[in-house]
Amino acid sequence: MGGMMTTATYVTADQLLQMPDDGYRYELVAGELRKMAPAGWRHGDIGGRLHSLLGHYIVQHKLGKVFFAETGFLLARDPDTVRAPDIAFIHKDHLPAQRPEEAFWPGAPDLAVEVLSPGDTLAEVDDKVRAWLDAGTMMVWVVNPKGQNVTVYRSATDIKVLTENDQLDGQDVLPGFRCRVGDIFVDT
């Protein structure tokens, strides 16, 4: 995640797709364009490490597809909402027989991972978590580099904060995946 700026002009998912690359990432929330500042190196390091751990496990066990930060998920239409988690996973049982033709993935991932940036506000994080869960995401991980913890959301009321020595568990969403929370934050 990164600090966001919003506009009052309503935009569609198709218009978002046609926007020229200006070096920023954008999300669309109920038709409102949200500009996201580039993330810092620490954010990228932690996100990259967790993406590698997840990706290796998912490929090795043939569990589905893992996506990185630039992937947009079309969560709603009219007005359109397109969100992009730092990491996403879709279980093979939820993949369509044919690849979607839309540029943005139609629907929510099974797992959405958000890595906090220094500029993220509590309201922005809560809004994103709620959006993922409301759209059908089964589990959301919010990775906090400053606190070196991971908050696991299964619903608005099923929330667990995991610290350094706890095991981050894929539960029924990513069966068999486990890693020590502290291993996500190790400087190499």
C-alpha atoms as a PDB file:
ATOM      1  CA  MET A   1       0.000   0.000   0.000  1.00  0.00           C
ATOM      2  CA  GLY A   2       1.102   3.584  -0.335  1.00  0.00           C
ATOM      3  CA  GLY A   3      -0.176   7.047   0.491  1.00  0.00           C
ATOM      4  CA  MET A   4      -3.198   7.881  -1.661  1.00  0.00           C
ATOM      5  CA  MET A   5      -4.553  11.011  -3.295  1.00  0.00           C
ATOM      6  CA  THR A   6      -8.113  11.086  -4.653  1.00  0.00           C
ATOM      7  CA  THR A   7      -9.939  12.988  -7.392  1.00  0.00           C
ATOM      8  CA  ALA A   8     -13.566  14.071  -7.584  1.00  0.00           C
ATOM      9  CA  THR A   9     -13.927  13.037 -11.273  1.00  0.00           C
ATOM     10  CA  TYR A  10     -15.659   9.683 -11.823  1.00  0.00           C
ATOM     11  CA  VAL A  11     -13.759   7.163 -13.908  1.00  0.00           C
ATOM     12  CA  THR A  12     -14.646   3.716 -15.266  1.00  0.00           C
ATOM     13  CA  ALA A  13     -12.443   0.616 -15.197  1.00  0.00           C
ATOM     14  CA  ASP A  14     -12.051   0.913 -18.981  1.00  0.00           C
ATOM     15  CA  GLN A  15     -10.871   4.532 -18.647  1.00  0.00           C
ATOM     16  CA  LEU A  16      -8.437   3.488 -15.901  1.00  0.00           C
ATOM     17  CA  LEU A  17      -7.003   0.869 -18.231  1.00  0.00           C
ATOM     18  CA  GLN A  18      -6.464   3.445 -21.001  1.00  0.00           C
ATOM     19  CA  MET A  19      -4.652   5.953 -18.787  1.00  0.00           C
ATOM     20  CA  PRO A  20      -1.064   6.671 -19.846  1.00  0.00           C
ATOM     21  CA  ASP A  21       1.704   5.446 -17.560  1.00  0.00           C
ATOM     22  CA  ASP A  22       2.835   8.368 -15.426  1.00  0.00           C
ATOM     23  CA  GLY A  23       4.914   6.363 -12.941  1.00  0.00           C
ATOM     24  CA  TYR A  24       2.126   6.002 -10.383  1.00  0.00           C
ATOM     25  CA  ARG A  25      -0.271   3.189  -9.543  1.00  0.00           C
ATOM     26  CA  TYR A  26      -3.966   3.910  -9.400  1.00  0.00           C
ATOM     27  CA  GLU A  27      -6.954   2.263  -7.835  1.00  0.00           C
ATOM     28  CA  LEU A  28     -10.573   3.034  -8.530  1.00  0.00           C
ATOM     29  CA  VAL A  29     -13.025   3.153  -5.626  1.00  0.00           C
ATOM     30  CA  ALA A  30     -16.691   3.585  -6.563  1.00  0.00           C
ATOM     31  CA  GLY A  31     -15.617   5.533  -9.648  1.00  0.00           C
ATOM     32  CA  GLU A  32     -13.157   7.716  -7.746  1.00  0.00           C
ATOM     33  CA  LEU A  33      -9.555   7.584  -8.953  1.00  0.00           C
ATOM     34  CA  ARG A  34      -6.961   7.127  -6.205  1.00  0.00           C
ATOM     35  CA  LYS A  35      -3.340   7.882  -7.009  1.00  0.00           C
ATOM     36  CA  MET A  36      -0.871   5.815  -5.023  1.00  0.00           C
ATOM     37  CA  ALA A  37       2.651   7.041  -4.417  1.00  0.00           C
ATOM     38  CA  PRO A  38       5.453   4.598  -5.239  1.00  0.00           C
ATOM     39  CA  ALA A  39       6.386   2.409  -2.291  1.00  0.00           C
ATOM     40  CA  GLY A  40       9.744   2.645  -0.543  1.00  0.00           C
ATOM     41  CA  TRP A  41      12.474   0.023  -0.650  1.00  0.00           C
ATOM     42  CA  ARG A  42      11.512  -1.578   2.690  1.00  0.00           C
ATOM     43  CA  HIS A  43       7.954  -2.097   1.473  1.00  0.00           C
ATOM     44  CA  GLY A  44       9.267  -3.686  -1.734  1.00  0.00           C
ATOM     45  CA  ASP A  45      11.762  -5.870   0.129  1.00  0.00           C
ATOM     46  CA  ILE A  46       9.142  -7.267   2.508  1.00  0.00           C
ATOM     47  CA  GLY A  47       6.522  -7.656  -0.221  1.00  0.00           C
ATOM     48  CA  GLY A  48       9.048  -9.344  -2.489  1.00  0.00           C
ATOM     49  CA  ARG A  49      10.142 -11.762   0.224  1.00  0.00           C
ATOM     50  CA  LEU A  50       6.563 -12.766   1.051  1.00  0.00           C
ATOM     51  CA  HIS A  51       5.653 -13.021  -2.649  1.00  0.00           C
ATOM     52  CA  SER A  52       8.623 -15.361  -3.161  1.00  0.00           C
ATOM     53  CA  LEU A  53       7.613 -17.550  -0.222  1.00  0.00           C
ATOM     54  CA  LEU A  54       3.999 -17.720  -1.358  1.00  0.00           C
ATOM     55  CA  GLY A  55       4.813 -18.118  -5.044  1.00  0.00           C
ATOM     56  CA  HIS A  56       7.235 -20.972  -4.456  1.00  0.00           C
ATOM     57  CA  TYR A  57       4.719 -22.798  -2.264  1.00  0.00           C
ATOM     58  CA  ILE A  58       1.796 -22.227  -4.646  1.00  0.00           C
ATOM     59  CA  VAL A  59       3.724 -23.414  -7.713  1.00  0.00           C
ATOM     60  CA  GLN A  60       5.287 -26.374  -5.904  1.00  0.00           C
ATOM     61  CA  HIS A  61       1.870 -27.590  -4.713  1.00  0.00           C
ATOM     62  CA  LYS A  62      -0.053 -26.538  -7.851  1.00  0.00           C
ATOM     63  CA  LEU A  63      -2.575 -24.601  -5.777  1.00  0.00           C
ATOM     64  CA  GLY A  64      -3.502 -21.807  -8.182  1.00  0.00           C
ATOM     65  CA  LYS A  65      -2.186 -18.409  -9.226  1.00  0.00           C
ATOM     66  CA  VAL A  66      -0.274 -15.754  -7.295  1.00  0.00           C
ATOM     67  CA  PHE A  67      -0.327 -12.123  -8.448  1.00  0.00           C
ATOM     68  CA  PHE A  68       1.925  -9.161  -7.670  1.00  0.00           C
ATOM     69  CA  ALA A  69       1.120  -5.526  -6.877  1.00  0.00           C
ATOM     70  CA  GLU A  70       0.243  -4.138 -10.295  1.00  0.00           C
ATOM     71  CA  THR A  71      -2.656  -6.578 -10.757  1.00  0.00           C
ATOM     72  CA  GLY A  72      -6.049  -4.909 -10.623  1.00  0.00           C
ATOM     73  CA  PHE A  73      -9.131  -6.768  -9.410  1.00  0.00           C
ATOM     74  CA  LEU A  74     -12.488  -5.487 -10.640  1.00  0.00           C
ATOM     75  CA  LEU A  75     -14.623  -5.694  -7.502  1.00  0.00           C
ATOM     76  CA  ALA A  76     -17.713  -3.736  -8.590  1.00  0.00           C
ATOM     77  CA  ARG A  77     -19.342  -2.097 -11.616  1.00  0.00           C
ATOM     78  CA  ASP A  78     -21.353   1.099 -12.028  1.00  0.00           C
ATOM     79  CA  PRO A  79     -19.626   2.774 -10.322  1.00  0.00           C
ATOM     80  CA  ASP A  80     -16.492   0.733 -10.903  1.00  0.00           C
ATOM     81  CA  THR A  81     -14.084  -0.350  -8.196  1.00  0.00           C
ATOM     82  CA  VAL A  82     -10.647  -1.708  -9.114  1.00  0.00           C
ATOM     83  CA  ARG A  83      -8.275  -2.514  -6.264  1.00  0.00           C
ATOM     84  CA  ALA A  84      -4.705  -3.825  -6.402  1.00  0.00           C
ATOM     85  CA  PRO A  85      -3.303  -5.638  -3.363  1.00  0.00           C
ATOM     86  CA  ASP A  86       0.435  -6.010  -2.927  1.00  0.00           C
ATOM     87  CA  ILE A  87       0.033  -9.776  -3.345  1.00  0.00           C
ATOM     88  CA  ALA A  88      -3.014 -11.853  -4.279  1.00  0.00           C
ATOM     89  CA  PHE A  89      -3.785 -15.550  -4.553  1.00  0.00           C
ATOM     90  CA  ILE A  90      -6.604 -17.363  -6.347  1.00  0.00           C
ATOM     91  CA  HIS A  91      -7.071 -21.060  -5.620  1.00  0.00           C
ATOM     92  CA  LYS A  92      -7.150 -23.335  -8.679  1.00  0.00           C
ATOM     93  CA  ASP A  93     -10.733 -24.351  -7.850  1.00  0.00           C
ATOM     94  CA  HIS A  94     -11.786 -20.715  -8.331  1.00  0.00           C
ATOM     95  CA  LEU A  95      -9.981 -20.146 -11.632  1.00  0.00           C
ATOM     96  CA  PRO A  96     -12.211 -20.063 -14.721  1.00  0.00           C
ATOM     97  CA  ALA A  97     -11.748 -22.707 -17.419  1.00  0.00           C
ATOM     98  CA  GLN A  98     -10.605 -19.947 -19.800  1.00  0.00           C
ATOM     99  CA  ARG A  99      -8.538 -16.915 -18.923  1.00  0.00           C
ATOM    100  CA  PRO A 100     -10.660 -13.803 -18.430  1.00  0.00           C
ATOM    101  CA  GLU A 101     -10.594 -11.399 -21.373  1.00  0.00           C
ATOM    102  CA  GLU A 102     -10.897  -8.338 -19.147  1.00  0.00           C
ATOM    103  CA  ALA A 103      -7.705  -6.481 -18.392  1.00  0.00           C
ATOM    104  CA  PHE A 104      -8.542  -6.487 -14.703  1.00  0.00           C
ATOM    105  CA  TRP A 105      -9.270  -9.762 -12.963  1.00  0.00           C
ATOM    106  CA  PRO A 106     -13.075 -10.036 -12.676  1.00  0.00           C
ATOM    107  CA  GLY A 107     -13.760 -10.469  -8.979  1.00  0.00           C
ATOM    108  CA  ALA A 108     -11.876 -10.785  -5.722  1.00  0.00           C
ATOM    109  CA  PRO A 109      -8.885 -13.000  -4.934  1.00  0.00           C
ATOM    110  CA  ASP A 110      -9.118 -15.675  -2.234  1.00  0.00           C
ATOM    111  CA  LEU A 111      -6.200 -14.041  -0.367  1.00  0.00           C
ATOM    112  CA  ALA A 112      -5.244 -10.352  -0.494  1.00  0.00           C
ATOM    113  CA  VAL A 113      -2.014  -9.168   1.115  1.00  0.00           C
ATOM    114  CA  GLU A 114      -1.417  -5.508   1.925  1.00  0.00           C
ATOM    115  CA  VAL A 115       2.034  -4.351   3.034  1.00  0.00           C
ATOM    116  CA  LEU A 116       1.750  -1.097   4.961  1.00  0.00           C
ATOM    117  CA  SER A 117       3.679   1.976   3.855  1.00  0.00           C
ATOM    118  CA  PRO A 118       4.630   4.819   6.201  1.00  0.00           C
ATOM    119  CA  GLY A 119       2.008   7.100   4.606  1.00  0.00           C
ATOM    120  CA  ASP A 120      -0.922   4.707   5.018  1.00  0.00           C
ATOM    121  CA  THR A 121      -3.662   5.879   7.351  1.00  0.00           C
ATOM    122  CA  LEU A 122      -5.746   3.618   9.559  1.00  0.00           C
ATOM    123  CA  ALA A 123      -8.865   4.676   7.621  1.00  0.00           C
ATOM    124  CA  GLU A 124      -7.271   3.720   4.278  1.00  0.00           C
ATOM    125  CA  VAL A 125      -6.223   0.314   5.608  1.00  0.00           C
ATOM    126  CA  ASP A 126      -9.642  -0.365   7.148  1.00  0.00           C
ATOM    127  CA  ASP A 127     -11.311   0.704   3.898  1.00  0.00           C
ATOM    128  CA  LYS A 128      -9.187  -1.693   1.843  1.00  0.00           C
ATOM    129  CA  VAL A 129      -9.658  -4.622   4.212  1.00  0.00           C
ATOM    130  CA  ARG A 130     -13.414  -4.052   4.255  1.00  0.00           C
ATOM    131  CA  ALA A 131     -13.493  -3.772   0.441  1.00  0.00           C
ATOM    132  CA  TRP A 132     -11.665  -7.087   0.020  1.00  0.00           C
ATOM    133  CA  LEU A 133     -13.855  -8.919   2.515  1.00  0.00           C
ATOM    134  CA  ASP A 134     -17.083  -7.405   1.151  1.00  0.00           C
ATOM    135  CA  ALA A 135     -16.092  -8.470  -2.385  1.00  0.00           C
ATOM    136  CA  GLY A 136     -15.613 -12.085  -1.303  1.00  0.00           C
ATOM    137  CA  THR A 137     -11.943 -12.335  -0.374  1.00  0.00           C
ATOM    138  CA  MET A 138     -11.694 -15.163   2.149  1.00  0.00           C
ATOM    139  CA  MET A 139      -8.621 -13.876   4.005  1.00  0.00           C
ATOM    140  CA  VAL A 140      -6.667 -10.611   4.141  1.00  0.00           C
ATOM    141  CA  TRP A 141      -3.167 -10.253   5.576  1.00  0.00           C
ATOM    142  CA  VAL A 142      -2.022  -6.761   6.566  1.00  0.00           C
ATOM    143  CA  VAL A 143       1.754  -6.811   6.930  1.00  0.00           C
ATOM    144  CA  ASN A 144       3.123  -4.095   9.222  1.00  0.00           C
ATOM    145  CA  PRO A 145       6.872  -3.494   8.714  1.00  0.00           C
ATOM    146  CA  LYS A 146       7.120  -0.965  11.545  1.00  0.00           C
ATOM    147  CA  GLY A 147       5.428  -3.212  14.120  1.00  0.00           C
ATOM    148  CA  GLN A 148       6.853  -6.366  12.518  1.00  0.00           C
ATOM    149  CA  ASN A 149       3.491  -8.100  12.725  1.00  0.00           C
ATOM    150  CA  VAL A 150       0.780  -9.445  10.459  1.00  0.00           C
ATOM    151  CA  THR A 151      -2.919  -8.926  11.078  1.00  0.00           C
ATOM    152  CA  VAL A 152      -5.069 -11.725   9.664  1.00  0.00           C
ATOM    153  CA  TYR A 153      -8.668 -10.871   8.773  1.00  0.00           C
ATOM    154  CA  ARG A 154     -11.222 -13.589   8.017  1.00  0.00           C
ATOM    155  CA  SER A 155     -14.157 -11.217   8.579  1.00  0.00           C
ATOM    156  CA  ALA A 156     -14.839  -7.864  10.225  1.00  0.00           C
ATOM    157  CA  THR A 157     -14.859  -9.646  13.599  1.00  0.00           C
ATOM    158  CA  ASP A 158     -12.448 -12.569  13.070  1.00  0.00           C
ATOM    159  CA  ILE A 159      -9.123 -10.728  13.402  1.00  0.00           C
ATOM    160  CA  LYS A 160      -5.799 -12.002  14.761  1.00  0.00           C
ATOM    161  CA  VAL A 161      -2.529 -10.134  15.187  1.00  0.00           C
ATOM    162  CA  LEU A 162       0.541 -12.321  14.768  1.00  0.00           C
ATOM    163  CA  THR A 163       3.954 -11.309  16.058  1.00  0.00           C
ATOM    164  CA  GLU A 164       7.538 -12.352  15.325  1.00  0.00           C
ATOM    165  CA  ASN A 165       7.483 -15.916  16.674  1.00  0.00           C
ATOM    166  CA  ASP A 166       3.934 -16.750  15.542  1.00  0.00           C
ATOM    167  CA  GLN A 167       3.232 -18.859  12.468  1.00  0.00           C
ATOM    168  CA  LEU A 168       1.486 -17.211   9.530  1.00  0.00           C
ATOM    169  CA  ASP A 169      -0.841 -19.965   8.357  1.00  0.00           C
ATOM    170  CA  GLY A 170      -2.683 -20.179   5.028  1.00  0.00           C
ATOM    171  CA  GLN A 171      -5.509 -22.041   6.804  1.00  0.00           C
ATOM    172  CA  ASP A 172      -8.178 -23.332   4.396  1.00  0.00           C
ATOM    173  CA  VAL A 173      -7.421 -20.570   1.864  1.00  0.00           C
ATOM    174  CA  LEU A 174      -3.841 -21.656   1.168  1.00  0.00           C
ATOM    175  CA  PRO A 175      -3.712 -25.164   2.667  1.00  0.00           C
ATOM    176  CA  GLY A 176      -0.412 -26.172   4.223  1.00  0.00           C
ATOM    177  CA  PHE A 177       1.360 -22.806   3.830  1.00  0.00           C
ATOM    178  CA  ARG A 178       3.163 -21.711   6.995  1.00  0.00           C
ATOM    179  CA  CYS A 179       5.991 -19.352   7.743  1.00  0.00           C
ATOM    180  CA  ARG A 180       7.286 -17.679  10.859  1.00  0.00           C
ATOM    181  CA  VAL A 181       6.186 -14.031  10.899  1.00  0.00           C
ATOM    182  CA  GLY A 182       9.705 -12.899  11.833  1.00  0.00           C
ATOM    183  CA  ASP A 183      11.069 -14.469   8.634  1.00  0.00           C
ATOM    184  CA  ILE A 184       9.101 -11.949   6.561  1.00  0.00           C
ATOM    185  CA  PHE A 185      11.004  -9.058   8.144  1.00  0.00           C
ATOM    186  CA  VAL A 186      14.568 -10.453   8.173  1.00  0.00           C
ATOM    187  CA  ASP A 187      17.084  -8.109   6.555  1.00  0.00           C
ATOM    188  CA  THR A 188      19.364  -9.968   4.191  1.00  0.00           C
END
